[in-house]
Structures are given as C-alpha cells and as structure tokens.
C-alpha cells in the first residue's frame, strides 16, 4: 500500500488494450517509481478482531542525467481472527462432543521493490521483485471425532509467493515504444492437517 501512487479505473470493454479478461473494465494500480531526493513513509493501524497492519516504504532517485530510481516497501498484517463455529451449530445443540472455542487468525507479510536506470532519453532497464508470505488458520471440523479425539480441528496453512522480473523499455521512434520482459514466479503452499501435510508448488 505504501508504494501505490494512484489507481486508474476504466469502464467498459478494454480487451483490445488489456487482453481478454478486460471485458467489463480495468482497475490498474500504478506504483511509485522513485524520483527526486530520498523519501520515507510509514503507517500503522489497528482494527477489530485484534487486527493490525503496518507498512514502511522508501523511494527516490539519483540526481545525475542517467537516473537510478529505487522504490522499496514492506508491510505486515496480523489478526487474531474469530471463532468460526456458530452458537447455533447443529452438533453443539444436539449434545455432540464439541471443541473448545478457538479463533482462526492469520499473519501476512510482504516486500516489494524495483530498481531502474534511464541510460538515455526514452531508454530504461530495470528489475523488480515481490515476495509475500501468508500463514493462516482454518476450521476443518465443528465437532470432536470420537475415533480421533486428539486430532486438531484447526488447520494451519502457509503459502509463499515470490516473483522476479527484469525488463527493458525502449522508445524506438516517436510513435513506437517497445517493452521486453523476462519474469519468473513461484508459488509454494503447504497445509497442516491431521491426516496429511500436502505441499503445492507452481513455477
């Protein structure tokens, strides 16, 4: 959030410019590129269910002709969550073994950054990254299993997302601008259930 510069909302079909998924409109988020002297920002907030969010960012650029720009940011969000078993739960009302109340919270942290250089007018090379980790709890049972009374009825899942990209933007002519990019993304998720610990990895 700290590195968001502005958000552009375009209504109506935009598939010719943004691809097949832009049939009803586009919400495009522009991040700070970093320009001028070094700037620093930080914020924190607190809400219901023990939820807090904090972020920090710094951005700026060198002052010579061939500018080097560098926006960097990090954030963390935590929540104690709430109990997912309703008070009118069927098993509770019908005297089934009922687990003790327990909240399902989460912790989310992320970091993002970019570094670029305009080595000539209209010619820019750069690299950017995004890393994010989410650890959350989820209700997987609303009653105690008589055959497995000691198994946890709250699962803890963890997921990690890492993305890296390098690019080159080039103004070929007054009406022709080119961008070449190479990128790699890795998504790793793992669940923690009493019957298995599945791991999912995509790249």
Protein backbone atom coordinates (compact mmCIF):
# COMPACT_ATOMS: atom_id res chain seq x y z
CA UNK A 1 0.00 0.00 0.00
CA UNK A 2 2.81 2.43 0.81
CA UNK A 3 4.16 2.27 -2.74
CA UNK A 4 0.82 2.88 -4.52
CA UNK A 5 0.98 6.13 -6.47
CA UNK A 6 -2.51 6.17 -7.98
CA UNK A 7 -5.29 3.88 -9.19
CA UNK A 8 -6.87 4.15 -12.61
CA UNK A 9 -10.40 2.79 -13.24
CA UNK A 10 -11.58 2.40 -16.82
CA UNK A 11 -15.20 1.42 -17.52
CA UNK A 12 -16.43 -0.60 -20.46
CA UNK A 13 -14.77 -3.19 -22.75
CA UNK A 14 -10.99 -2.75 -22.91
CA UNK A 15 -9.91 -6.11 -24.35
CA UNK A 16 -8.15 -4.55 -27.32
CA UNK A 17 -5.66 -2.87 -24.97
CA UNK A 18 -5.58 -5.09 -21.87
CA UNK A 19 -6.42 -8.60 -23.11
CA UNK A 20 -9.36 -10.99 -22.98
CA UNK A 21 -10.03 -10.58 -19.24
CA UNK A 22 -10.85 -6.87 -19.59
CA UNK A 23 -14.38 -7.33 -20.94
CA UNK A 24 -16.13 -5.17 -18.35
CA UNK A 25 -13.42 -2.68 -17.42
CA UNK A 26 -9.97 -2.33 -15.88
CA UNK A 27 -8.67 -1.40 -12.46
CA UNK A 28 -4.99 -0.58 -12.85
CA UNK A 29 -2.71 0.16 -9.90
CA UNK A 30 0.33 2.35 -10.51
CA UNK A 31 3.19 2.20 -8.04
CA UNK A 32 5.72 4.89 -7.22
CA UNK A 33 8.77 4.73 -9.47
CA UNK A 34 11.02 6.78 -7.24
CA UNK A 35 12.02 10.28 -8.29
CA UNK A 36 13.82 13.14 -6.58
CA UNK A 37 15.54 13.02 -3.19
CA UNK A 38 15.13 10.07 -0.84
CA UNK A 39 11.68 9.98 0.79
CA UNK A 40 10.41 7.84 3.62
CA UNK A 41 6.91 6.92 4.75
CA UNK A 42 5.43 4.64 7.41
CA UNK A 43 1.97 3.94 8.78
CA UNK A 44 0.21 1.62 11.17
CA UNK A 45 -3.40 0.85 12.03
CA UNK A 46 -5.47 -1.28 14.37
CA UNK A 47 -8.96 -2.69 13.99
CA UNK A 48 -11.42 -5.27 15.27
CA UNK A 49 -10.57 -8.92 15.98
CA UNK A 50 -7.08 -7.87 17.07
CA UNK A 51 -6.18 -6.86 13.52
CA UNK A 52 -3.19 -4.61 12.90
CA UNK A 53 -1.38 -3.51 9.76
CA UNK A 54 1.91 -1.68 9.40
CA UNK A 55 3.91 -0.68 6.36
CA UNK A 56 7.09 1.18 5.55
CA UNK A 57 8.47 2.49 2.27
CA UNK A 58 11.38 4.47 0.89
CA UNK A 59 11.84 5.75 -2.62
CA UNK A 60 13.89 8.24 -4.57
CA UNK A 61 16.46 8.58 -7.32
CA UNK A 62 19.95 9.78 -8.02
CA UNK A 63 20.32 13.25 -9.49
CA UNK A 64 22.61 12.72 -12.49
CA UNK A 65 21.38 12.50 -16.08
CA UNK A 66 21.27 8.71 -16.09
CA UNK A 67 18.94 8.43 -13.10
CA UNK A 68 18.73 5.35 -10.94
CA UNK A 69 15.30 5.01 -9.31
CA UNK A 70 14.62 2.80 -6.29
CA UNK A 71 11.21 2.30 -4.61
CA UNK A 72 11.24 -0.28 -1.79
CA UNK A 73 8.46 -1.26 0.61
CA UNK A 74 7.48 -3.81 3.25
CA UNK A 75 4.26 -4.50 5.16
CA UNK A 76 2.84 -6.83 7.77
CA UNK A 77 -0.74 -7.59 8.75
CA UNK A 78 -1.84 -9.76 11.67
CA UNK A 79 -5.22 -10.72 13.07
CA UNK A 80 -6.40 -12.87 15.95
CA UNK A 81 -9.45 -13.75 13.87
CA UNK A 82 -12.75 -15.02 15.23
CA UNK A 83 -14.30 -18.36 16.15
CA UNK A 84 -15.85 -19.94 13.07
CA UNK A 85 -18.28 -22.22 14.95
CA UNK A 86 -21.70 -20.58 15.20
CA UNK A 87 -23.56 -20.59 18.50
CA UNK A 88 -26.47 -22.44 16.84
CA UNK A 89 -24.19 -25.18 15.50
CA UNK A 90 -26.07 -28.48 14.97
CA UNK A 91 -23.56 -30.60 16.85
CA UNK A 92 -23.48 -28.27 19.82
CA UNK A 93 -27.26 -28.14 20.09
CA UNK A 94 -27.56 -31.93 19.90
CA UNK A 95 -25.00 -32.76 22.63
CA UNK A 96 -22.24 -33.95 20.31
CA UNK A 97 -18.67 -33.64 21.65
CA UNK A 98 -17.90 -30.01 20.94
CA UNK A 99 -14.43 -28.45 20.58
CA UNK A 100 -13.38 -25.55 22.77
CA UNK A 101 -13.68 -22.08 21.28
CA UNK A 102 -10.66 -21.09 19.24
CA UNK A 103 -10.05 -18.20 16.88
CA UNK A 104 -8.78 -18.58 13.32
CA UNK A 105 -6.20 -15.81 12.84
CA UNK A 106 -3.58 -15.06 10.23
CA UNK A 107 -0.26 -13.30 9.66
CA UNK A 108 0.60 -11.79 6.30
CA UNK A 109 3.91 -10.15 5.40
CA UNK A 110 5.26 -8.89 2.10
CA UNK A 111 8.07 -6.95 0.49
CA UNK A 112 8.37 -5.34 -2.91
CA UNK A 113 10.92 -3.27 -4.74
CA UNK A 114 12.24 -2.05 -8.04
CA UNK A 115 15.45 -0.57 -9.35
CA UNK A 116 15.76 1.01 -12.78
CA UNK A 117 18.06 3.23 -14.78
CA UNK A 118 17.23 5.58 -17.63
CA UNK A 119 20.51 5.26 -19.51
CA UNK A 120 19.33 7.52 -22.35
CA UNK A 121 16.23 9.53 -23.16
CA UNK A 122 13.35 7.06 -23.52
CA UNK A 123 15.60 4.07 -22.78
CA UNK A 124 15.18 2.27 -19.45
CA UNK A 125 16.30 -1.02 -17.96
CA UNK A 126 15.27 -2.37 -14.59
CA UNK A 127 14.40 -5.22 -12.27
CA UNK A 128 11.60 -5.70 -9.77
CA UNK A 129 10.59 -8.25 -7.17
CA UNK A 130 7.67 -9.22 -4.95
CA UNK A 131 7.72 -11.64 -2.04
CA UNK A 132 4.75 -12.50 0.15
CA UNK A 133 4.03 -14.99 2.93
CA UNK A 134 0.65 -15.87 4.43
CA UNK A 135 0.13 -18.08 7.46
CA UNK A 136 -3.50 -18.64 8.37
CA UNK A 137 -5.71 -20.91 10.42
CA UNK A 138 -8.93 -22.50 9.21
CA UNK A 139 -11.70 -24.52 10.82
CA UNK A 140 -11.73 -28.10 9.46
CA UNK A 141 -14.18 -29.68 11.92
CA UNK A 142 -17.06 -28.43 14.04
CA UNK A 143 -17.26 -31.45 16.35
CA UNK A 144 -14.81 -33.80 18.08
CA UNK A 145 -14.23 -37.11 16.33
CA UNK A 146 -14.90 -39.97 18.78
CA UNK A 147 -12.38 -42.16 16.97
CA UNK A 148 -9.68 -39.48 16.91
CA UNK A 149 -10.42 -37.23 19.91
CA UNK A 150 -6.92 -35.73 19.99
CA UNK A 151 -6.65 -34.58 16.39
CA UNK A 152 -6.58 -30.82 15.80
CA UNK A 153 -9.76 -29.34 14.38
CA UNK A 154 -7.93 -26.15 13.35
CA UNK A 155 -5.55 -26.41 10.38
CA UNK A 156 -2.60 -24.08 9.85
CA UNK A 157 -1.78 -23.31 6.23
CA UNK A 158 1.22 -21.43 4.87
CA UNK A 159 1.79 -20.03 1.39
CA UNK A 160 4.73 -18.21 -0.14
CA UNK A 161 4.73 -16.22 -3.37
CA UNK A 162 7.93 -14.95 -4.98
CA UNK A 163 8.13 -13.07 -8.26
CA UNK A 164 11.15 -11.59 -10.04
CA UNK A 165 11.28 -9.75 -13.35
CA UNK A 166 13.84 -7.90 -15.48
CA UNK A 167 12.77 -5.59 -18.28
CA UNK A 168 13.86 -3.13 -20.93
CA UNK A 169 11.68 -0.23 -22.11
CA UNK A 170 12.77 1.47 -25.31
CA UNK A 171 11.38 4.39 -27.28
CA UNK A 172 12.19 3.22 -30.81
CA UNK A 173 10.54 6.13 -32.65
CA UNK A 174 8.16 8.93 -31.70
CA UNK A 175 5.19 6.59 -32.18
CA UNK A 176 6.77 3.23 -31.34
CA UNK A 177 7.58 2.16 -27.81
CA UNK A 178 8.84 -1.32 -27.03
CA UNK A 179 8.99 -3.32 -23.80
CA UNK A 180 10.76 -6.67 -23.37
CA UNK A 181 10.42 -8.52 -20.06
CA UNK A 182 11.55 -11.82 -18.60
CA UNK A 183 9.97 -12.96 -15.35
CA UNK A 184 9.64 -15.94 -13.04
CA UNK A 185 7.05 -16.59 -10.35
CA UNK A 186 6.99 -19.31 -7.70
CA UNK A 187 4.01 -20.19 -5.54
CA UNK A 188 4.51 -22.63 -2.68
CA UNK A 189 1.69 -23.68 -0.37
CA UNK A 190 1.53 -26.21 2.45
CA UNK A 191 -1.36 -27.38 4.59
CA UNK A 192 -1.12 -28.87 8.05
CA UNK A 193 -3.96 -31.36 8.58
CA UNK A 194 -4.14 -34.31 10.93
CA UNK A 195 -4.42 -36.72 8.01
CA UNK A 196 -1.75 -35.23 5.70
CA UNK A 197 0.59 -32.31 5.01
CA UNK A 198 0.04 -31.56 1.31
CA UNK A 199 2.53 -29.33 -0.47
CA UNK A 200 1.61 -27.48 -3.67
CA UNK A 201 4.30 -25.81 -5.78
CA UNK A 202 3.89 -24.00 -9.06
CA UNK A 203 6.50 -22.15 -11.08
